Amino acid sequence: MEGLLEVSSILKKQGVKFTVVKGRPPDPILLCQEESCCMVLDCGYTRTLQGWRRELLSKSATKIVLVEGEVVVPTEVASKVQEPAAATFRPKISKWIDKHLVAAGDEVVQKPSLDLDFDRIFDGHKEFQLTDMNLPLEEIMKQLCVDRTVPPCSLFLQGGESKVRCSGWAIKDDIVVSQAEELLSKFLTSGTDGKAINEYHLKRNDPSLRK
């Protein structure tokens, strides 16, 4: 949630209205199409995401643009076939990284949407819940149906990128690196290696990892 608040702050500086709507997709999106010149969605590869995107395409009269939001290099650009191993796939991705791994920058949009009234758009539709991302974190958390008896885990970093940069965790080429990640990576890539698994369990509670 801290990350979403940080996204909201950055988009506000760029003149973009950011609102979170809870509801069954694509219904909330369809309500907004009269106020939109186009709809921009991230590509979805799971059956659920592809299902409601197809429903949106069949019901919407507005232009729809798909962008990659989960991968750096689009899959159809990297390879046209199913790759048998990472060894064959990695070189194909590497040659496209410099072109696709580009920072968004801090440019302000030509037509700001900060005055867009989402409350008016969703007025009378009680099945949708709007969350004002300008509220304090505590107020936003009160709206979430979560188990509040579970305390935060200090092993994992809380907060967005700004919290990462002041936490003592290393950032190399905009990639977060930590001792905990290195241990977890070793654990995941060791398969059934009992020695590596035991080493992870022994070190997971190391105070030096809880910064």
N, C-alpha and C. Protein backbone atom coordinates (compact mmCIF):
# COMPACT_ATOMS: atom_id res chain seq x y z
N MET A 1 0.82 -1.20 0.00
CA MET A 1 0.00 0.00 0.00
C MET A 1 0.86 1.26 0.00
N GLU A 2 1.99 1.21 0.71
CA GLU A 2 2.90 2.36 0.71
C GLU A 2 3.38 2.66 -0.71
N GLY A 3 3.60 1.58 -1.48
CA GLY A 3 4.04 1.76 -2.86
C GLY A 3 2.99 2.45 -3.70
N LEU A 4 1.70 2.11 -3.49
CA LEU A 4 0.62 2.75 -4.23
C LEU A 4 0.52 4.23 -3.88
N LEU A 5 0.72 4.56 -2.61
CA LEU A 5 0.69 5.97 -2.21
C LEU A 5 1.82 6.74 -2.88
N GLU A 6 2.96 6.09 -3.03
CA GLU A 6 4.08 6.75 -3.69
C GLU A 6 3.78 6.95 -5.18
N VAL A 7 3.15 5.95 -5.79
CA VAL A 7 2.74 6.08 -7.19
C VAL A 7 1.76 7.23 -7.34
N SER A 8 0.80 7.33 -6.41
CA SER A 8 -0.19 8.40 -6.45
C SER A 8 0.48 9.77 -6.38
N SER A 9 1.47 9.91 -5.51
CA SER A 9 2.18 11.19 -5.36
C SER A 9 2.93 11.56 -6.64
N ILE A 10 3.58 10.57 -7.25
CA ILE A 10 4.35 10.84 -8.48
C ILE A 10 3.41 11.22 -9.63
N LEU A 11 2.30 10.48 -9.77
CA LEU A 11 1.36 10.78 -10.85
C LEU A 11 0.71 12.14 -10.66
N LYS A 12 0.46 12.54 -9.41
CA LYS A 12 -0.14 13.84 -9.15
C LYS A 12 0.78 14.96 -9.64
N LYS A 13 2.07 14.80 -9.44
CA LYS A 13 3.03 15.80 -9.91
C LYS A 13 3.04 15.88 -11.43
N GLN A 14 2.67 14.78 -12.08
CA GLN A 14 2.65 14.74 -13.54
C GLN A 14 1.27 15.10 -14.11
N GLY A 15 0.34 15.42 -13.22
CA GLY A 15 -0.97 15.84 -13.68
C GLY A 15 -1.95 14.72 -13.94
N VAL A 16 -1.71 13.55 -13.36
CA VAL A 16 -2.54 12.37 -13.62
C VAL A 16 -3.34 12.04 -12.36
N LYS A 17 -4.65 11.90 -12.51
CA LYS A 17 -5.52 11.51 -11.39
C LYS A 17 -5.39 10.01 -11.16
N PHE A 18 -5.20 9.61 -9.89
CA PHE A 18 -5.02 8.20 -9.55
C PHE A 18 -6.06 7.81 -8.51
N THR A 19 -6.94 6.90 -8.88
CA THR A 19 -8.00 6.44 -7.98
C THR A 19 -8.09 4.92 -8.05
N VAL A 20 -8.27 4.29 -6.90
CA VAL A 20 -8.42 2.85 -6.83
C VAL A 20 -9.90 2.52 -6.67
N VAL A 21 -10.41 1.65 -7.54
CA VAL A 21 -11.82 1.27 -7.51
C VAL A 21 -11.91 -0.24 -7.30
N LYS A 22 -12.68 -0.63 -6.29
CA LYS A 22 -12.92 -2.04 -6.02
C LYS A 22 -14.24 -2.45 -6.66
N GLY A 23 -14.19 -3.45 -7.54
CA GLY A 23 -15.40 -3.91 -8.22
C GLY A 23 -15.07 -5.02 -9.19
N ARG A 24 -16.11 -5.61 -9.76
CA ARG A 24 -15.91 -6.70 -10.70
C ARG A 24 -15.51 -6.14 -12.06
N PRO A 25 -14.32 -6.47 -12.54
CA PRO A 25 -13.93 -6.00 -13.87
C PRO A 25 -14.67 -6.79 -14.95
N PRO A 26 -14.97 -6.11 -16.07
CA PRO A 26 -14.55 -4.76 -16.46
C PRO A 26 -15.58 -3.68 -16.17
N ASP A 27 -16.55 -3.94 -15.29
CA ASP A 27 -17.66 -3.00 -15.07
C ASP A 27 -17.20 -1.59 -14.68
N PRO A 28 -16.24 -1.42 -13.73
CA PRO A 28 -15.81 -0.06 -13.39
C PRO A 28 -15.18 0.67 -14.59
N ILE A 29 -14.48 -0.08 -15.43
CA ILE A 29 -13.82 0.54 -16.59
C ILE A 29 -14.86 1.02 -17.59
N LEU A 30 -15.90 0.23 -17.79
CA LEU A 30 -16.95 0.60 -18.74
C LEU A 30 -17.67 1.87 -18.32
N LEU A 31 -17.79 2.09 -17.02
CA LEU A 31 -18.44 3.31 -16.54
C LEU A 31 -17.62 4.56 -16.85
N CYS A 32 -16.32 4.38 -16.99
CA CYS A 32 -15.42 5.53 -17.22
C CYS A 32 -15.22 5.84 -18.70
N GLN A 33 -15.73 4.99 -19.61
CA GLN A 33 -15.38 5.17 -21.02
C GLN A 33 -15.97 6.44 -21.63
N GLU A 34 -17.10 6.94 -21.09
CA GLU A 34 -17.67 8.17 -21.63
C GLU A 34 -16.79 9.38 -21.34
N GLU A 35 -15.94 9.27 -20.31
CA GLU A 35 -15.05 10.37 -19.94
C GLU A 35 -13.65 10.17 -20.53
N SER A 36 -13.48 9.15 -21.36
CA SER A 36 -12.14 8.77 -21.82
C SER A 36 -12.05 8.79 -23.34
N CYS A 37 -10.87 9.14 -23.83
CA CYS A 37 -10.60 9.05 -25.27
C CYS A 37 -10.05 7.68 -25.62
N CYS A 38 -9.46 7.00 -24.63
CA CYS A 38 -8.97 5.64 -24.83
C CYS A 38 -8.75 5.01 -23.46
N MET A 39 -8.56 3.70 -23.44
CA MET A 39 -8.29 2.97 -22.20
C MET A 39 -6.94 2.28 -22.34
N VAL A 40 -6.11 2.42 -21.34
CA VAL A 40 -4.78 1.80 -21.35
C VAL A 40 -4.75 0.71 -20.29
N LEU A 41 -4.49 -0.52 -20.71
CA LEU A 41 -4.44 -1.67 -19.80
C LEU A 41 -3.09 -2.34 -19.90
N ASP A 42 -2.67 -2.99 -18.81
CA ASP A 42 -1.47 -3.81 -18.89
C ASP A 42 -1.85 -5.17 -19.47
N CYS A 43 -0.90 -5.78 -20.15
CA CYS A 43 -1.15 -7.10 -20.75
C CYS A 43 -1.34 -8.13 -19.63
N GLY A 44 -2.31 -8.96 -19.78
CA GLY A 44 -2.56 -10.02 -18.80
C GLY A 44 -2.43 -11.38 -19.45
N TYR A 45 -1.77 -12.29 -18.76
CA TYR A 45 -1.50 -13.60 -19.38
C TYR A 45 -2.25 -14.74 -18.69
N THR A 46 -2.85 -14.49 -17.54
CA THR A 46 -3.60 -15.55 -16.88
C THR A 46 -5.00 -15.65 -17.48
N ARG A 47 -5.65 -16.79 -17.27
CA ARG A 47 -6.97 -17.02 -17.84
C ARG A 47 -8.00 -16.00 -17.32
N THR A 48 -7.89 -15.64 -16.04
CA THR A 48 -8.83 -14.68 -15.46
C THR A 48 -8.69 -13.30 -16.10
N LEU A 49 -7.46 -12.83 -16.23
CA LEU A 49 -7.24 -11.51 -16.82
C LEU A 49 -7.64 -11.47 -18.28
N GLN A 50 -7.30 -12.50 -19.02
CA GLN A 50 -7.67 -12.53 -20.43
C GLN A 50 -9.18 -12.60 -20.61
N GLY A 51 -9.87 -13.26 -19.65
CA GLY A 51 -11.31 -13.39 -19.74
C GLY A 51 -12.02 -12.06 -19.67
N TRP A 52 -11.70 -11.23 -18.64
CA TRP A 52 -12.41 -9.96 -18.53
C TRP A 52 -11.91 -8.93 -19.53
N ARG A 53 -10.72 -9.10 -20.04
CA ARG A 53 -10.27 -8.21 -21.12
C ARG A 53 -11.04 -8.48 -22.41
N ARG A 54 -11.31 -9.75 -22.69
CA ARG A 54 -12.14 -10.09 -23.86
C ARG A 54 -13.55 -9.53 -23.69
N GLU A 55 -14.08 -9.60 -22.47
CA GLU A 55 -15.40 -9.04 -22.21
C GLU A 55 -15.40 -7.54 -22.43
N LEU A 56 -14.33 -6.87 -22.00
CA LEU A 56 -14.22 -5.43 -22.20
C LEU A 56 -14.17 -5.08 -23.68
N LEU A 57 -13.42 -5.84 -24.45
CA LEU A 57 -13.33 -5.60 -25.89
C LEU A 57 -14.69 -5.73 -26.58
N SER A 58 -15.49 -6.67 -26.11
CA SER A 58 -16.79 -6.92 -26.73
C SER A 58 -17.83 -5.86 -26.37
N LYS A 59 -17.64 -5.16 -25.25
CA LYS A 59 -18.64 -4.20 -24.78
C LYS A 59 -18.23 -2.74 -24.95
N SER A 60 -16.95 -2.49 -25.12
CA SER A 60 -16.47 -1.11 -25.15
C SER A 60 -16.44 -0.57 -26.57
N ALA A 61 -16.79 0.72 -26.71
CA ALA A 61 -16.70 1.40 -27.99
C ALA A 61 -15.50 2.35 -28.02
N THR A 62 -14.69 2.33 -26.96
CA THR A 62 -13.54 3.21 -26.84
C THR A 62 -12.27 2.47 -27.24
N LYS A 63 -11.32 3.20 -27.78
CA LYS A 63 -10.04 2.61 -28.17
C LYS A 63 -9.34 2.04 -26.95
N ILE A 64 -8.76 0.84 -27.10
CA ILE A 64 -8.06 0.18 -26.00
C ILE A 64 -6.61 -0.06 -26.39
N VAL A 65 -5.70 0.33 -25.52
CA VAL A 65 -4.26 0.17 -25.76
C VAL A 65 -3.70 -0.74 -24.68
N LEU A 66 -2.94 -1.75 -25.08
CA LEU A 66 -2.30 -2.66 -24.15
C LEU A 66 -0.82 -2.35 -24.04
N VAL A 67 -0.31 -2.29 -22.81
CA VAL A 67 1.12 -2.06 -22.58
C VAL A 67 1.64 -3.16 -21.65
N GLU A 68 2.91 -3.42 -21.72
CA GLU A 68 3.52 -4.42 -20.85
C GLU A 68 3.78 -3.80 -19.48
N GLY A 69 3.27 -4.44 -18.44
CA GLY A 69 3.47 -3.92 -17.10
C GLY A 69 4.15 -4.90 -16.16
N GLU A 70 4.35 -6.13 -16.61
CA GLU A 70 4.92 -7.16 -15.74
C GLU A 70 6.27 -7.67 -16.23
N VAL A 71 6.62 -7.35 -17.46
CA VAL A 71 7.91 -7.77 -17.99
C VAL A 71 8.61 -6.57 -18.60
N VAL A 72 9.93 -6.62 -18.72
CA VAL A 72 10.69 -5.54 -19.33
C VAL A 72 10.59 -5.61 -20.85
N VAL A 73 10.87 -6.80 -21.39
CA VAL A 73 10.82 -7.00 -22.83
C VAL A 73 9.54 -7.77 -23.17
N PRO A 74 8.68 -7.24 -24.04
CA PRO A 74 7.46 -7.96 -24.42
C PRO A 74 7.77 -9.36 -24.93
N THR A 75 6.94 -10.31 -24.55
CA THR A 75 7.22 -11.70 -24.90
C THR A 75 7.24 -11.92 -26.41
N GLU A 76 6.34 -11.25 -27.14
CA GLU A 76 6.30 -11.48 -28.58
C GLU A 76 7.50 -10.87 -29.29
N VAL A 77 8.17 -9.90 -28.63
CA VAL A 77 9.40 -9.32 -29.19
C VAL A 77 10.59 -10.22 -28.89
N ALA A 78 10.63 -10.76 -27.68
CA ALA A 78 11.77 -11.57 -27.27
C ALA A 78 11.86 -12.86 -28.07
N SER A 79 10.74 -13.54 -28.26
CA SER A 79 10.78 -14.82 -28.96
C SER A 79 9.40 -15.15 -29.53
N LYS A 80 9.40 -15.75 -30.69
CA LYS A 80 8.15 -16.14 -31.34
C LYS A 80 7.77 -17.59 -31.04
N VAL A 81 8.67 -18.32 -30.38
CA VAL A 81 8.41 -19.72 -30.09
C VAL A 81 8.59 -19.98 -28.60
N GLN A 82 8.14 -21.13 -28.13
CA GLN A 82 8.36 -21.53 -26.74
C GLN A 82 9.79 -21.98 -26.57
N GLU A 83 10.51 -21.30 -25.70
CA GLU A 83 11.93 -21.60 -25.50
C GLU A 83 12.11 -22.81 -24.59
N PRO A 84 13.06 -23.69 -24.90
CA PRO A 84 13.26 -24.89 -24.09
C PRO A 84 13.99 -24.63 -22.78
N ALA A 85 14.74 -23.52 -22.70
CA ALA A 85 15.53 -23.26 -21.49
C ALA A 85 15.90 -21.79 -21.42
N ALA A 86 16.30 -21.35 -20.22
CA ALA A 86 16.72 -19.96 -20.03
C ALA A 86 17.96 -19.64 -20.85
N ALA A 87 18.78 -20.65 -21.09
CA ALA A 87 20.02 -20.44 -21.84
C ALA A 87 19.76 -19.95 -23.26
N THR A 88 18.66 -20.36 -23.85
CA THR A 88 18.32 -19.91 -25.20
C THR A 88 17.49 -18.64 -25.18
N PHE A 89 16.75 -18.43 -24.08
CA PHE A 89 15.85 -17.28 -23.99
C PHE A 89 16.59 -16.02 -23.55
N ARG A 90 17.56 -16.17 -22.64
CA ARG A 90 18.25 -15.02 -22.06
C ARG A 90 18.95 -14.14 -23.11
N PRO A 91 19.70 -14.72 -24.06
CA PRO A 91 20.35 -13.86 -25.07
C PRO A 91 19.37 -13.05 -25.91
N LYS A 92 18.19 -13.62 -26.16
CA LYS A 92 17.19 -12.91 -26.96
C LYS A 92 16.62 -11.71 -26.20
N ILE A 93 16.50 -11.85 -24.88
CA ILE A 93 16.01 -10.74 -24.07
C ILE A 93 17.07 -9.66 -23.93
N SER A 94 18.32 -10.08 -23.71
CA SER A 94 19.41 -9.15 -23.42
C SER A 94 19.58 -8.09 -24.51
N LYS A 95 19.40 -8.47 -25.76
CA LYS A 95 19.63 -7.51 -26.84
C LYS A 95 18.54 -6.45 -26.94
N TRP A 96 17.40 -6.65 -26.24
CA TRP A 96 16.30 -5.69 -26.28
C TRP A 96 16.18 -4.86 -25.00
N ILE A 97 16.95 -5.19 -23.97
CA ILE A 97 16.79 -4.54 -22.67
C ILE A 97 17.01 -3.03 -22.74
N ASP A 98 18.08 -2.59 -23.41
CA ASP A 98 18.39 -1.17 -23.46
C ASP A 98 17.27 -0.37 -24.13
N LYS A 99 16.57 -0.97 -25.07
CA LYS A 99 15.50 -0.27 -25.77
C LYS A 99 14.25 -0.15 -24.91
N HIS A 100 13.95 -1.20 -24.13
CA HIS A 100 12.69 -1.23 -23.40
C HIS A 100 12.81 -0.79 -21.94
N LEU A 101 14.01 -0.86 -21.36
CA LEU A 101 14.19 -0.47 -19.96
C LEU A 101 14.52 1.02 -19.91
N VAL A 102 13.48 1.84 -20.02
CA VAL A 102 13.63 3.30 -20.07
C VAL A 102 12.81 3.91 -18.95
N ALA A 103 13.40 4.84 -18.21
CA ALA A 103 12.69 5.50 -17.12
C ALA A 103 11.55 6.35 -17.67
N ALA A 104 10.48 6.44 -16.90
CA ALA A 104 9.31 7.19 -17.35
C ALA A 104 9.57 8.69 -17.38
N GLY A 105 10.48 9.16 -16.54
CA GLY A 105 10.75 10.59 -16.49
C GLY A 105 9.73 11.32 -15.63
N ASP A 106 9.84 12.65 -15.59
CA ASP A 106 8.95 13.46 -14.75
C ASP A 106 8.17 14.48 -15.57
N GLU A 107 7.92 14.18 -16.85
CA GLU A 107 7.17 15.10 -17.70
C GLU A 107 5.72 15.21 -17.24
N VAL A 108 5.15 16.39 -17.40
CA VAL A 108 3.75 16.62 -17.08
C VAL A 108 2.90 16.41 -18.33
N VAL A 109 1.76 15.74 -18.18
CA VAL A 109 0.91 15.46 -19.33
C VAL A 109 0.32 16.74 -19.89
N GLN A 110 0.01 16.74 -21.19
CA GLN A 110 -0.52 17.94 -21.84
C GLN A 110 -1.94 18.26 -21.38
N LYS A 111 -2.72 17.22 -21.07
CA LYS A 111 -4.09 17.43 -20.60
C LYS A 111 -4.26 16.78 -19.23
N PRO A 112 -4.01 17.52 -18.15
CA PRO A 112 -4.11 16.95 -16.80
C PRO A 112 -5.52 16.44 -16.50
N SER A 113 -5.59 15.41 -15.63
CA SER A 113 -6.88 14.82 -15.26
C SER A 113 -7.16 14.95 -13.77
N LEU A 114 -6.45 15.85 -13.11
CA LEU A 114 -6.60 15.98 -11.66
C LEU A 114 -7.99 16.41 -11.24
N ASP A 115 -8.70 17.08 -12.13
CA ASP A 115 -10.05 17.57 -11.81
C ASP A 115 -11.14 16.55 -12.16
N LEU A 116 -10.74 15.38 -12.65
CA LEU A 116 -11.74 14.37 -13.03
C LEU A 116 -12.49 13.89 -11.78
N ASP A 117 -13.81 13.97 -11.83
CA ASP A 117 -14.65 13.67 -10.67
C ASP A 117 -15.13 12.22 -10.74
N PHE A 118 -14.38 11.32 -10.11
CA PHE A 118 -14.76 9.91 -10.10
C PHE A 118 -15.99 9.67 -9.23
N ASP A 119 -16.17 10.49 -8.20
CA ASP A 119 -17.35 10.34 -7.35
C ASP A 119 -18.63 10.53 -8.16
N ARG A 120 -18.61 11.46 -9.09
CA ARG A 120 -19.77 11.68 -9.94
C ARG A 120 -19.99 10.51 -10.90
N ILE A 121 -18.88 9.97 -11.44
CA ILE A 121 -18.99 8.87 -12.39
C ILE A 121 -19.60 7.64 -11.73
N PHE A 122 -19.21 7.38 -10.50
CA PHE A 122 -19.66 6.17 -9.81
C PHE A 122 -20.83 6.43 -8.86
N ASP A 123 -21.39 7.64 -8.94
CA ASP A 123 -22.52 7.97 -8.08
C ASP A 123 -23.71 7.05 -8.39
N GLY A 124 -24.28 6.45 -7.36
CA GLY A 124 -25.41 5.56 -7.53
C GLY A 124 -25.04 4.11 -7.76
N HIS A 125 -23.75 3.84 -7.85
CA HIS A 125 -23.28 2.47 -8.06
C HIS A 125 -22.63 1.98 -6.77
N LYS A 126 -23.46 1.48 -5.87
CA LYS A 126 -22.99 1.06 -4.56
C LYS A 126 -22.14 -0.20 -4.61
N GLU A 127 -22.16 -0.91 -5.75
CA GLU A 127 -21.37 -2.14 -5.86
C GLU A 127 -19.89 -1.86 -6.02
N PHE A 128 -19.53 -0.59 -6.24
CA PHE A 128 -18.14 -0.21 -6.40
C PHE A 128 -17.68 0.61 -5.19
N GLN A 129 -16.43 0.39 -4.80
CA GLN A 129 -15.86 1.13 -3.67
C GLN A 129 -14.65 1.92 -4.14
N LEU A 130 -14.71 3.23 -3.98
CA LEU A 130 -13.60 4.09 -4.38
C LEU A 130 -12.70 4.39 -3.19
N THR A 131 -11.40 4.37 -3.43
CA THR A 131 -10.42 4.69 -2.40
C THR A 131 -9.64 5.91 -2.81
N ASP A 132 -9.73 6.96 -2.00
CA ASP A 132 -9.00 8.19 -2.25
C ASP A 132 -7.55 8.00 -1.83
N MET A 133 -6.64 7.96 -2.78
CA MET A 133 -5.23 7.71 -2.48
C MET A 133 -4.52 8.93 -1.92
N ASN A 134 -5.27 10.03 -1.72
CA ASN A 134 -4.67 11.20 -1.07
C ASN A 134 -4.86 11.16 0.45
N LEU A 135 -5.62 10.16 0.92
CA LEU A 135 -5.82 10.03 2.36
C LEU A 135 -4.56 9.49 3.04
N PRO A 136 -4.39 9.72 4.34
CA PRO A 136 -3.28 9.11 5.07
C PRO A 136 -3.36 7.58 5.02
N LEU A 137 -2.23 6.94 5.17
CA LEU A 137 -2.17 5.49 5.09
C LEU A 137 -3.09 4.82 6.10
N GLU A 138 -3.16 5.37 7.31
CA GLU A 138 -4.00 4.77 8.35
C GLU A 138 -5.47 4.76 7.95
N GLU A 139 -5.92 5.83 7.31
CA GLU A 139 -7.32 5.92 6.88
C GLU A 139 -7.61 4.92 5.76
N ILE A 140 -6.66 4.74 4.87
CA ILE A 140 -6.85 3.79 3.77
C ILE A 140 -6.89 2.37 4.29
N MET A 141 -6.02 2.07 5.26
CA MET A 141 -5.97 0.71 5.80
C MET A 141 -7.27 0.34 6.51
N LYS A 142 -7.97 1.33 7.08
CA LYS A 142 -9.23 1.05 7.77
C LYS A 142 -10.30 0.55 6.81
N GLN A 143 -10.15 0.86 5.52
CA GLN A 143 -11.14 0.45 4.53
C GLN A 143 -10.91 -0.97 4.02
N LEU A 144 -9.78 -1.56 4.37
CA LEU A 144 -9.43 -2.88 3.86
C LEU A 144 -9.89 -3.97 4.81
N CYS A 145 -10.43 -5.04 4.24
CA CYS A 145 -10.85 -6.20 5.04
C CYS A 145 -9.67 -7.15 5.17
N VAL A 146 -8.83 -6.91 6.15
CA VAL A 146 -7.65 -7.74 6.37
C VAL A 146 -7.60 -8.19 7.83
N ASP A 147 -6.86 -9.25 8.08
CA ASP A 147 -6.70 -9.77 9.43
C ASP A 147 -5.72 -8.87 10.19
N ARG A 148 -6.22 -8.09 11.12
CA ARG A 148 -5.38 -7.14 11.84
C ARG A 148 -4.71 -7.74 13.07
N THR A 149 -4.94 -9.03 13.31
CA THR A 149 -4.27 -9.70 14.44
C THR A 149 -2.86 -10.14 14.05
N VAL A 150 -2.55 -10.13 12.74
CA VAL A 150 -1.22 -10.53 12.28
C VAL A 150 -0.32 -9.31 12.22
N PRO A 151 0.76 -9.28 13.00
CA PRO A 151 1.65 -8.11 13.01
C PRO A 151 2.51 -8.07 11.75
N PRO A 152 3.05 -6.91 11.39
CA PRO A 152 3.95 -6.80 10.24
C PRO A 152 5.20 -7.64 10.44
N CYS A 153 5.73 -8.19 9.35
CA CYS A 153 6.95 -8.99 9.42
C CYS A 153 8.14 -8.07 9.19
N SER A 154 9.02 -8.01 10.15
CA SER A 154 10.16 -7.09 10.06
C SER A 154 11.23 -7.60 9.10
N LEU A 155 11.11 -8.86 8.64
CA LEU A 155 12.12 -9.40 7.73
C LEU A 155 12.02 -8.75 6.36
N PHE A 156 10.81 -8.30 6.00
CA PHE A 156 10.61 -7.72 4.68
C PHE A 156 10.47 -6.22 4.78
N LEU A 157 11.00 -5.53 3.77
CA LEU A 157 10.97 -4.07 3.76
C LEU A 157 9.56 -3.56 3.49
N GLN A 158 9.14 -2.56 4.24
CA GLN A 158 7.84 -1.96 4.04
C GLN A 158 8.01 -0.58 3.42
N GLY A 159 7.17 -0.27 2.46
CA GLY A 159 7.24 1.05 1.84
C GLY A 159 7.65 0.97 0.40
N GLY A 160 7.58 2.12 -0.29
CA GLY A 160 7.92 2.19 -1.70
C GLY A 160 9.41 2.37 -1.92
N GLU A 161 9.75 2.88 -3.09
CA GLU A 161 11.15 3.01 -3.47
C GLU A 161 11.90 3.97 -2.56
N SER A 162 11.23 5.03 -2.11
CA SER A 162 11.90 6.00 -1.24
C SER A 162 12.31 5.36 0.07
N LYS A 163 11.47 4.44 0.60
CA LYS A 163 11.82 3.75 1.82
C LYS A 163 13.00 2.81 1.59
N VAL A 164 13.06 2.25 0.38
CA VAL A 164 14.18 1.37 0.05
C VAL A 164 15.49 2.13 0.09
N ARG A 165 15.47 3.34 -0.47
CA ARG A 165 16.71 4.10 -0.60
C ARG A 165 17.23 4.61 0.75
N CYS A 166 16.38 4.74 1.75
CA CYS A 166 16.84 5.24 3.05
C CYS A 166 16.89 4.11 4.08
N SER A 167 16.80 2.86 3.63
CA SER A 167 16.72 1.75 4.56
C SER A 167 18.06 1.06 4.79
N GLY A 168 19.04 1.38 3.95
CA GLY A 168 20.30 0.67 4.06
C GLY A 168 20.39 -0.49 3.08
N TRP A 169 19.29 -0.79 2.37
CA TRP A 169 19.33 -1.83 1.36
C TRP A 169 20.01 -1.25 0.12
N ALA A 170 20.74 -2.08 -0.57
CA ALA A 170 21.48 -1.62 -1.74
C ALA A 170 20.57 -1.56 -2.96
N ILE A 171 20.80 -0.56 -3.81
CA ILE A 171 20.10 -0.48 -5.09
C ILE A 171 21.17 -0.41 -6.17
N LYS A 172 21.23 -1.44 -6.98
CA LYS A 172 22.21 -1.52 -8.05
C LYS A 172 21.46 -1.49 -9.38
N ASP A 173 21.70 -0.41 -10.16
CA ASP A 173 21.01 -0.25 -11.45
C ASP A 173 19.51 -0.33 -11.27
N ASP A 174 18.99 0.34 -10.20
CA ASP A 174 17.56 0.41 -9.89
C ASP A 174 16.96 -0.94 -9.55
N ILE A 175 17.78 -1.91 -9.18
CA ILE A 175 17.30 -3.22 -8.74
C ILE A 175 17.63 -3.37 -7.26
N VAL A 176 16.61 -3.65 -6.44
CA VAL A 176 16.81 -3.78 -5.01
C VAL A 176 17.55 -5.07 -4.71
N VAL A 177 18.62 -4.97 -3.94
CA VAL A 177 19.42 -6.13 -3.58
C VAL A 177 19.56 -6.16 -2.07
N SER A 178 19.37 -7.30 -1.45
CA SER A 178 19.53 -7.42 -0.01
C SER A 178 20.12 -8.78 0.33
N GLN A 179 20.63 -8.88 1.54
CA GLN A 179 21.17 -10.16 1.99
C GLN A 179 20.06 -11.20 2.04
N ALA A 180 18.86 -10.78 2.44
CA ALA A 180 17.75 -11.72 2.52
C ALA A 180 17.41 -12.28 1.15
N GLU A 181 17.44 -11.44 0.12
CA GLU A 181 17.15 -11.92 -1.23
C GLU A 181 18.20 -12.91 -1.69
N GLU A 182 19.46 -12.64 -1.35
CA GLU A 182 20.53 -13.55 -1.75
C GLU A 182 20.34 -14.91 -1.10
N LEU A 183 19.96 -14.92 0.18
CA LEU A 183 19.71 -16.18 0.87
C LEU A 183 18.52 -16.90 0.26
N LEU A 184 17.44 -16.17 -0.02
CA LEU A 184 16.25 -16.78 -0.59
C LEU A 184 16.54 -17.31 -1.98
N SER A 185 17.31 -16.57 -2.77
CA SER A 185 17.67 -17.03 -4.10
C SER A 185 18.44 -18.34 -4.03
N LYS A 186 19.36 -18.42 -3.09
CA LYS A 186 20.13 -19.65 -2.92
C LYS A 186 19.23 -20.80 -2.52
N PHE A 187 18.25 -20.49 -1.66
CA PHE A 187 17.31 -21.51 -1.20
C PHE A 187 16.46 -22.03 -2.36
N LEU A 188 15.98 -21.12 -3.20
CA LEU A 188 15.10 -21.53 -4.29
C LEU A 188 15.84 -22.28 -5.39
N THR A 189 17.09 -21.91 -5.63
CA THR A 189 17.82 -22.54 -6.73
C THR A 189 18.55 -23.80 -6.30
N SER A 190 18.47 -24.16 -5.03
CA SER A 190 19.20 -25.33 -4.55
C SER A 190 18.37 -26.60 -4.64
N GLY A 191 17.08 -26.47 -4.98
CA GLY A 191 16.25 -27.66 -5.11
C GLY A 191 16.14 -28.43 -3.82
N THR A 192 16.54 -29.67 -3.84
CA THR A 192 16.42 -30.53 -2.66
C THR A 192 17.71 -30.58 -1.85
N ASP A 193 18.55 -29.58 -2.04
CA ASP A 193 19.81 -29.53 -1.31
C ASP A 193 19.54 -29.24 0.16
N GLY A 194 19.59 -30.26 1.00
CA GLY A 194 19.28 -30.10 2.41
C GLY A 194 20.19 -29.12 3.12
N LYS A 195 21.45 -29.08 2.72
CA LYS A 195 22.41 -28.18 3.37
C LYS A 195 22.01 -26.72 3.16
N ALA A 196 21.64 -26.37 1.94
CA ALA A 196 21.24 -24.99 1.65
C ALA A 196 19.95 -24.62 2.38
N ILE A 197 19.02 -25.56 2.45
CA ILE A 197 17.76 -25.30 3.14
C ILE A 197 18.00 -25.07 4.62
N ASN A 198 18.84 -25.89 5.24
CA ASN A 198 19.14 -25.72 6.65
C ASN A 198 19.85 -24.40 6.91
N GLU A 199 20.72 -24.02 5.99
CA GLU A 199 21.44 -22.76 6.13
C GLU A 199 20.45 -21.58 6.08
N TYR A 200 19.46 -21.68 5.22
CA TYR A 200 18.47 -20.61 5.12
C TYR A 200 17.66 -20.50 6.41
N HIS A 201 17.22 -21.65 6.94
CA HIS A 201 16.44 -21.63 8.17
C HIS A 201 17.24 -21.07 9.33
N LEU A 202 18.53 -21.34 9.37
CA LEU A 202 19.36 -20.86 10.46
C LEU A 202 19.57 -19.35 10.37
N LYS A 203 19.66 -18.82 9.15
CA LYS A 203 20.01 -17.42 8.98
C LYS A 203 18.80 -16.50 8.77
N ARG A 204 17.61 -17.07 8.61
CA ARG A 204 16.45 -16.24 8.30
C ARG A 204 16.10 -15.28 9.42
N ASN A 205 16.50 -15.63 10.69
CA ASN A 205 16.20 -14.76 11.82
C ASN A 205 17.42 -13.95 12.27
N ASP A 206 18.42 -13.90 11.40
CA ASP A 206 19.62 -13.13 11.72
C ASP A 206 19.25 -11.64 11.85
N PRO A 207 19.54 -11.00 13.00
CA PRO A 207 19.19 -9.58 13.18
C PRO A 207 19.76 -8.67 12.11
N SER A 208 20.89 -9.04 11.51
CA SER A 208 21.49 -8.18 10.49
C SER A 208 20.63 -8.08 9.24
N LEU A 209 19.69 -9.02 9.07
CA LEU A 209 18.80 -8.98 7.91
C LEU A 209 17.55 -8.15 8.17
N ARG A 210 17.35 -7.73 9.41
CA ARG A 210 16.12 -7.01 9.77
C ARG A 210 16.40 -5.52 9.90
N LYS A 211 16.85 -4.93 8.82
CA LYS A 211 17.17 -3.49 8.85
C LYS A 211 16.01 -2.70 8.28
